[in-house]
C-alpha atoms as a PDB file:
ATOM      1  CA  MET A   1      76.741  98.574  99.663  1.00  0.00           C
ATOM      2  CA  PRO A   2      77.752  97.552  96.122  1.00  0.00           C
ATOM      3  CA  PRO A   3      80.900  95.410  95.785  1.00  0.00           C
ATOM      4  CA  ALA A   4      84.243  97.114  95.277  1.00  0.00           C
ATOM      5  CA  VAL A   5      84.810  98.219  91.691  1.00  0.00           C
ATOM      6  CA  THR A   6      87.888  98.679  89.517  1.00  0.00           C
ATOM      7  CA  ALA A   7      87.528 101.260  86.768  1.00  0.00           C
ATOM      8  CA  ALA A   8      89.413 100.526  83.550  1.00  0.00           C
ATOM      9  CA  ILE A   9      89.756 103.254  80.942  1.00  0.00           C
ATOM     10  CA  LEU A  10      90.260 101.561  77.585  1.00  0.00           C
ATOM     11  CA  ALA A  11      92.859 103.564  75.661  1.00  0.00           C
ATOM     12  CA  GLY A  12      94.477 100.934  73.477  1.00  0.00           C
ATOM     13  CA  GLY A  13      92.708 101.693  70.209  1.00  0.00           C
ATOM     14  CA  LEU A  14      94.471 102.932  67.091  1.00  0.00           C
ATOM     15  CA  ALA A  15      92.041 105.845  66.523  1.00  0.00           C
ATOM     16  CA  SER A  16      92.235 105.154  62.789  1.00  0.00           C
ATOM     17  CA  ARG A  17      89.290 107.462  62.054  1.00  0.00           C
ATOM     18  CA  PHE A  18      91.092 110.240  63.900  1.00  0.00           C
ATOM     19  CA  GLY A  19      94.493 109.914  62.278  1.00  0.00           C
ATOM     20  CA  GLY A  20      95.942 107.981  65.208  1.00  0.00           C
ATOM     21  CA  ALA A  21      95.404 110.829  67.692  1.00  0.00           C
ATOM     22  CA  ASP A  22      95.430 110.236  71.439  1.00  0.00           C
ATOM     23  CA  LYS A  23      91.704 110.761  71.929  1.00  0.00           C
ATOM     24  CA  ALA A  24      91.916 110.528  75.704  1.00  0.00           C
ATOM     25  CA  SER A  25      94.023 113.689  75.732  1.00  0.00           C
ATOM     26  CA  LEU A  26      91.702 115.808  73.571  1.00  0.00           C
ATOM     27  CA  LEU A  27      90.457 118.936  75.314  1.00  0.00           C
ATOM     28  CA  VAL A  28      86.703 119.214  75.924  1.00  0.00           C
ATOM     29  CA  GLY A  29      85.419 122.015  78.103  1.00  0.00           C
ATOM     30  CA  GLY A  30      88.960 123.020  79.006  1.00  0.00           C
ATOM     31  CA  ARG A  31      90.036 119.609  80.323  1.00  0.00           C
ATOM     32  CA  ARG A  32      91.415 116.466  78.752  1.00  0.00           C
ATOM     33  CA  ILE A  33      88.790 113.773  78.280  1.00  0.00           C
ATOM     34  CA  ILE A  34      90.705 111.424  80.538  1.00  0.00           C
ATOM     35  CA  GLU A  35      90.790 114.034  83.304  1.00  0.00           C
ATOM     36  CA  ARG A  36      87.038 114.489  83.024  1.00  0.00           C
ATOM     37  CA  GLN A  37      86.597 110.720  83.269  1.00  0.00           C
ATOM     38  CA  LEU A  38      88.888 110.378  86.276  1.00  0.00           C
ATOM     39  CA  ALA A  39      86.926 113.043  88.132  1.00  0.00           C
ATOM     40  CA  ALA A  40      83.681 111.175  87.451  1.00  0.00           C
ATOM     41  CA  LEU A  41      85.137 107.772  88.350  1.00  0.00           C
ATOM     42  CA  SER A  42      86.860 108.669  91.601  1.00  0.00           C
ATOM     43  CA  PRO A  43      83.732 108.526  93.823  1.00  0.00           C
ATOM     44  CA  ILE A  44      82.916 104.917  92.910  1.00  0.00           C
ATOM     45  CA  ALA A  45      86.192 103.203  91.958  1.00  0.00           C
ATOM     46  CA  LYS A  46      88.423 101.509  94.492  1.00  0.00           C
ATOM     47  CA  GLU A  47      91.183 101.434  91.902  1.00  0.00           C
ATOM     48  CA  ILE A  48      91.579 102.885  88.411  1.00  0.00           C
ATOM     49  CA  LEU A  49      93.596 101.377  85.578  1.00  0.00           C
ATOM     50  CA  ILE A  50      94.318 102.457  82.039  1.00  0.00           C
ATOM     51  CA  VAL A  51      94.483  99.701  79.436  1.00  0.00           C
ATOM     52  CA  GLY A  52      96.760 100.991  76.690  1.00  0.00           C
ATOM     53  CA  HIS A  53      99.955 100.477  74.752  1.00  0.00           C
ATOM     54  CA  ASP A  54     101.774 103.745  75.536  1.00  0.00           C
ATOM     55  CA  PRO A  55     102.410 104.297  79.278  1.00  0.00           C
ATOM     56  CA  ALA A  56     104.369 107.493  78.582  1.00  0.00           C
ATOM     57  CA  ARG A  57     101.183 109.250  77.423  1.00  0.00           C
ATOM     58  CA  TYR A  58      99.650 108.944  80.869  1.00  0.00           C
ATOM     59  CA  ALA A  59     102.713 109.001  83.120  1.00  0.00           C
ATOM     60  CA  SER A  60     101.717 112.362  84.637  1.00  0.00           C
ATOM     61  CA  LEU A  61      98.468 110.894  85.958  1.00  0.00           C
ATOM     62  CA  GLY A  62     100.151 108.436  88.297  1.00  0.00           C
ATOM     63  CA  ILE A  63      97.771 105.647  87.297  1.00  0.00           C
ATOM     64  CA  PRO A  64      98.886 102.110  86.327  1.00  0.00           C
ATOM     65  CA  VAL A  65      98.880 101.505  82.584  1.00  0.00           C
ATOM     66  CA  ILE A  66      98.336  97.868  81.611  1.00  0.00           C
ATOM     67  CA  GLY A  67      99.312  96.616  78.177  1.00  0.00           C
ATOM     68  CA  ASP A  68      96.771  94.576  76.217  1.00  0.00           C
ATOM     69  CA  LEU A  69      97.185  90.876  76.939  1.00  0.00           C
ATOM     70  CA  VAL A  70      95.886  90.126  73.444  1.00  0.00           C
ATOM     71  CA  PRO A  71      97.297  92.895  71.231  1.00  0.00           C
ATOM     72  CA  GLY A  72      95.137  93.960  68.325  1.00  0.00           C
ATOM     73  CA  ALA A  73      91.957  92.377  69.668  1.00  0.00           C
ATOM     74  CA  GLY A  74      90.143  95.691  70.015  1.00  0.00           C
ATOM     75  CA  PRO A  75      87.703  96.573  72.807  1.00  0.00           C
ATOM     76  CA  ILE A  76      86.946  92.973  73.746  1.00  0.00           C
ATOM     77  CA  GLY A  77      90.656  92.456  74.341  1.00  0.00           C
ATOM     78  CA  GLY A  78      90.782  95.607  76.438  1.00  0.00           C
ATOM     79  CA  ILE A  79      87.921  94.450  78.642  1.00  0.00           C
ATOM     80  CA  TYR A  80      89.543  91.020  78.962  1.00  0.00           C
ATOM     81  CA  THR A  81      92.805  92.657  80.062  1.00  0.00           C
ATOM     82  CA  ALA A  82      90.946  94.760  82.618  1.00  0.00           C
ATOM     83  CA  LEU A  83      89.162  91.725  84.043  1.00  0.00           C
ATOM     84  CA  MET A  84      92.430  89.804  84.293  1.00  0.00           C
ATOM     85  CA  SER A  85      94.195  92.728  85.982  1.00  0.00           C
ATOM     86  CA  ALA A  86      91.539  93.849  88.460  1.00  0.00           C
ATOM     87  CA  ARG A  87      91.685  92.985  92.146  1.00  0.00           C
ATOM     88  CA  THR A  88      87.991  93.599  92.751  1.00  0.00           C
ATOM     89  CA  PRO A  89      84.919  91.476  91.930  1.00  0.00           C
ATOM     90  CA  TRP A  90      83.605  94.003  89.406  1.00  0.00           C
ATOM     91  CA  VAL A  91      85.134  96.099  86.650  1.00  0.00           C
ATOM     92  CA  LEU A  92      83.733  99.231  85.065  1.00  0.00           C
ATOM     93  CA  ALA A  93      84.999  99.315  81.474  1.00  0.00           C
ATOM     94  CA  LEU A  94      85.004 102.760  79.902  1.00  0.00           C
ATOM     95  CA  GLY A  95      86.040 103.856  76.428  1.00  0.00           C
ATOM     96  CA  CYS A  96      88.584 106.685  76.562  1.00  0.00           C
ATOM     97  CA  ASP A  97      86.685 108.863  74.081  1.00  0.00           C
ATOM     98  CA  MET A  98      83.505 109.553  76.096  1.00  0.00           C
ATOM     99  CA  PRO A  99      83.802 113.037  77.611  1.00  0.00           C
ATOM    100  CA  TYR A 100      80.317 113.427  79.106  1.00  0.00           C
ATOM    101  CA  VAL A 101      80.037 110.421  81.421  1.00  0.00           C
ATOM    102  CA  SER A 102      79.200 111.278  85.016  1.00  0.00           C
ATOM    103  CA  SER A 103      79.480 110.052  88.579  1.00  0.00           C
ATOM    104  CA  ALA A 104      75.689 109.741  88.664  1.00  0.00           C
ATOM    105  CA  LEU A 105      75.807 107.286  85.770  1.00  0.00           C
ATOM    106  CA  PHE A 106      78.528 105.208  87.390  1.00  0.00           C
ATOM    107  CA  GLU A 107      76.666 105.189  90.697  1.00  0.00           C
ATOM    108  CA  ALA A 108      73.547 103.906  88.913  1.00  0.00           C
ATOM    109  CA  LEU A 109      75.577 101.107  87.343  1.00  0.00           C
ATOM    110  CA  ALA A 110      77.175 100.187  90.666  1.00  0.00           C
ATOM    111  CA  ALA A 111      73.816 100.159  92.434  1.00  0.00           C
ATOM    112  CA  ALA A 112      72.528  97.552  89.958  1.00  0.00           C
ATOM    113  CA  ILE A 113      75.353  95.078  90.593  1.00  0.00           C
ATOM    114  CA  GLY A 114      74.182  91.728  91.923  1.00  0.00           C
ATOM    115  CA  SER A 115      75.204  88.112  92.252  1.00  0.00           C
ATOM    116  CA  ASP A 116      72.491  87.161  89.759  1.00  0.00           C
ATOM    117  CA  VAL A 117      74.100  89.007  86.816  1.00  0.00           C
ATOM    118  CA  ASP A 118      77.404  89.058  84.939  1.00  0.00           C
ATOM    119  CA  ALA A 119      77.094  92.567  83.514  1.00  0.00           C
ATOM    120  CA  VAL A 120      75.251  95.821  84.113  1.00  0.00           C
ATOM    121  CA  VAL A 121      74.841  97.716  80.858  1.00  0.00           C
ATOM    122  CA  PRO A 122      73.081 100.989  80.036  1.00  0.00           C
ATOM    123  CA  ARG A 123      70.780 101.046  77.028  1.00  0.00           C
ATOM    124  CA  SER A 124      70.894 104.383  75.235  1.00  0.00           C
ATOM    125  CA  ALA A 125      68.933 105.442  72.157  1.00  0.00           C
ATOM    126  CA  ARG A 126      71.503 103.661  69.995  1.00  0.00           C
ATOM    127  CA  GLY A 127      71.357 100.397  71.948  1.00  0.00           C
ATOM    128  CA  LEU A 128      73.432  98.725  74.623  1.00  0.00           C
ATOM    129  CA  GLU A 129      76.643 100.525  75.587  1.00  0.00           C
ATOM    130  CA  PRO A 130      79.311  97.830  76.148  1.00  0.00           C
ATOM    131  CA  LEU A 131      82.107 100.393  76.538  1.00  0.00           C
ATOM    132  CA  CYS A 132      80.446 102.048  79.510  1.00  0.00           C
ATOM    133  CA  ALA A 133      79.391  99.020  81.502  1.00  0.00           C
ATOM    134  CA  MET A 134      80.072  96.924  84.590  1.00  0.00           C
ATOM    135  CA  TYR A 135      81.400  93.385  84.226  1.00  0.00           C
ATOM    136  CA  ALA A 136      81.808  90.723  86.895  1.00  0.00           C
ATOM    137  CA  ARG A 137      85.398  89.572  87.025  1.00  0.00           C
ATOM    138  CA  ASP A 138      84.141  85.986  86.807  1.00  0.00           C
ATOM    139  CA  SER A 139      82.837  86.721  83.310  1.00  0.00           C
ATOM    140  CA  VAL A 140      86.435  86.714  82.074  1.00  0.00           C
ATOM    141  CA  LEU A 141      85.957  83.104  80.957  1.00  0.00           C
ATOM    142  CA  VAL A 142      83.396  84.226  78.379  1.00  0.00           C
ATOM    143  CA  PHE A 143      85.811  86.834  77.037  1.00  0.00           C
ATOM    144  CA  LYS A 144      88.632  84.295  76.918  1.00  0.00           C
ATOM    145  CA  ARG A 145      86.490  81.825  75.008  1.00  0.00           C
ATOM    146  CA  ARG A 146      85.522  84.453  72.429  1.00  0.00           C
ATOM    147  CA  LEU A 147      89.096  85.629  72.022  1.00  0.00           C
ATOM    148  CA  ASP A 148      90.357  82.071  71.567  1.00  0.00           C
ATOM    149  CA  ALA A 149      87.708  81.523  68.910  1.00  0.00           C
ATOM    150  CA  GLY A 150      88.708  84.701  67.079  1.00  0.00           C
ATOM    151  CA  THR A 151      85.317  86.274  67.799  1.00  0.00           C
ATOM    152  CA  TRP A 152      86.647  89.716  68.559  1.00  0.00           C
ATOM    153  CA  ARG A 153      83.545  91.791  67.853  1.00  0.00           C
ATOM    154  CA  LEU A 154      81.424  92.809  70.816  1.00  0.00           C
ATOM    155  CA  GLY A 155      78.273  91.861  68.919  1.00  0.00           C
ATOM    156  CA  GLY A 156      76.695  88.807  70.482  1.00  0.00           C
ATOM    157  CA  LEU A 157      78.655  89.113  73.720  1.00  0.00           C
ATOM    158  CA  PHE A 158      75.594  89.795  75.830  1.00  0.00           C
ATOM    159  CA  GLU A 159      73.901  86.655  74.560  1.00  0.00           C
ATOM    160  CA  GLU A 160      76.478  84.748  76.615  1.00  0.00           C
ATOM    161  CA  LEU A 161      76.161  86.846  79.781  1.00  0.00           C
ATOM    162  CA  ARG A 162      73.415  87.465  82.310  1.00  0.00           C
ATOM    163  CA  VAL A 163      72.753  91.141  81.740  1.00  0.00           C
ATOM    164  CA  ARG A 164      70.916  93.735  83.786  1.00  0.00           C
ATOM    165  CA  GLU A 165      70.055  96.746  81.661  1.00  0.00           C
ATOM    166  CA  ILE A 166      69.863 100.318  82.878  1.00  0.00           C
ATOM    167  CA  GLY A 167      66.998 101.703  80.841  1.00  0.00           C
ATOM    168  CA  ALA A 168      65.584 104.969  79.640  1.00  0.00           C
ATOM    169  CA  ALA A 169      63.745 105.940  82.825  1.00  0.00           C
ATOM    170  CA  THR A 170      66.882 105.793  84.970  1.00  0.00           C
ATOM    171  CA  LEU A 171      69.082 107.407  82.338  1.00  0.00           C
ATOM    172  CA  ALA A 172      66.673 110.276  81.671  1.00  0.00           C
ATOM    173  CA  ALA A 173      67.130 111.523  85.218  1.00  0.00           C
ATOM    174  CA  ILE A 174      70.916 111.803  84.829  1.00  0.00           C
ATOM    175  CA  ASP A 175      71.265 112.743  81.144  1.00  0.00           C
ATOM    176  CA  GLU A 176      69.949 116.287  80.982  1.00  0.00           C
ATOM    177  CA  ASP A 177      71.235 117.164  77.521  1.00  0.00           C
ATOM    178  CA  GLY A 178      71.205 113.715  75.886  1.00  0.00           C
ATOM    179  CA  ARG A 179      74.977 113.607  75.491  1.00  0.00           C
ATOM    180  CA  LEU A 180      75.918 111.140  78.215  1.00  0.00           C
ATOM    181  CA  PHE A 181      77.095 108.418  75.826  1.00  0.00           C
ATOM    182  CA  GLU A 182      78.420 110.646  73.066  1.00  0.00           C
ATOM    183  CA  ASN A 183      81.901 109.648  71.969  1.00  0.00           C
ATOM    184  CA  ILE A 184      84.554 111.225  69.792  1.00  0.00           C
ATOM    185  CA  ASN A 185      85.559 109.008  66.894  1.00  0.00           C
ATOM    186  CA  THR A 186      86.334 111.533  64.178  1.00  0.00           C
ATOM    187  CA  PRO A 187      87.594 115.117  63.825  1.00  0.00           C
ATOM    188  CA  HIS A 188      83.991 116.088  63.012  1.00  0.00           C
ATOM    189  CA  ASP A 189      82.811 114.653  66.347  1.00  0.00           C
ATOM    190  CA  TYR A 190      85.518 116.624  68.116  1.00  0.00           C
ATOM    191  CA  GLU A 191      84.672 119.866  66.359  1.00  0.00           C
ATOM    192  CA  ARG A 192      81.032 119.465  67.350  1.00  0.00           C
ATOM    193  CA  ALA A 193      82.023 118.827  70.967  1.00  0.00           C
ATOM    194  CA  ARG A 194      84.105 121.997  70.997  1.00  0.00           C
ATOM    195  CA  GLU A 195      81.344 124.106  69.468  1.00  0.00           C
ATOM    196  CA  VAL A 196      78.629 123.144  71.912  1.00  0.00           C
ATOM    197  CA  LYS A 197      78.579 125.140  75.120  1.00  0.00           C
ATOM    198  CA  GLN A 198      79.402 122.783  77.963  1.00  0.00           C
ATOM    199  CA  LYS A 199      76.997 122.463  80.887  1.00  0.00           C
ATOM    200  CA  ARG A 200      79.348 120.279  82.900  1.00  0.00           C
END
């Protein structure tokens, strides 16, 4: 059995390209994105956290909301906060604006966990997906070092970690319509998501 996993939904961004909207609460296929994510996460996560700066937004969900330990540091700060807050050996970090992630994807990530790696990361057509990936809690030292150095971009992170990639062959079997890693950054992205007939 894979080790116990904490899922951390990263919802601390400013959504500057979306006018500051709460992207996690956007409706896709009749449900809020965060509700879709929680349904997909529940089979594999021992605990679920939200990393964000506005607990009131998510009070109805009954899930702990953890404030960023390094405010303004972006996604790398959110992952660092999740690693520091988790009580399990592994953390699944997930951006709050990805409506099409699935339990099958998360199960594939969990199945690839091992003591010989620090991260399990899917590789989509656009490259590695750091905001839908598993991180060993012990890797927090790498995140802390980068934050202390002011290196807040995720670029280059995986050069400092032992990474196991989940590649095209595995992903093809669980990504029927090629939208698994699609995210909503702009109003245009959201309009497209609303126009496409949902299969899930």
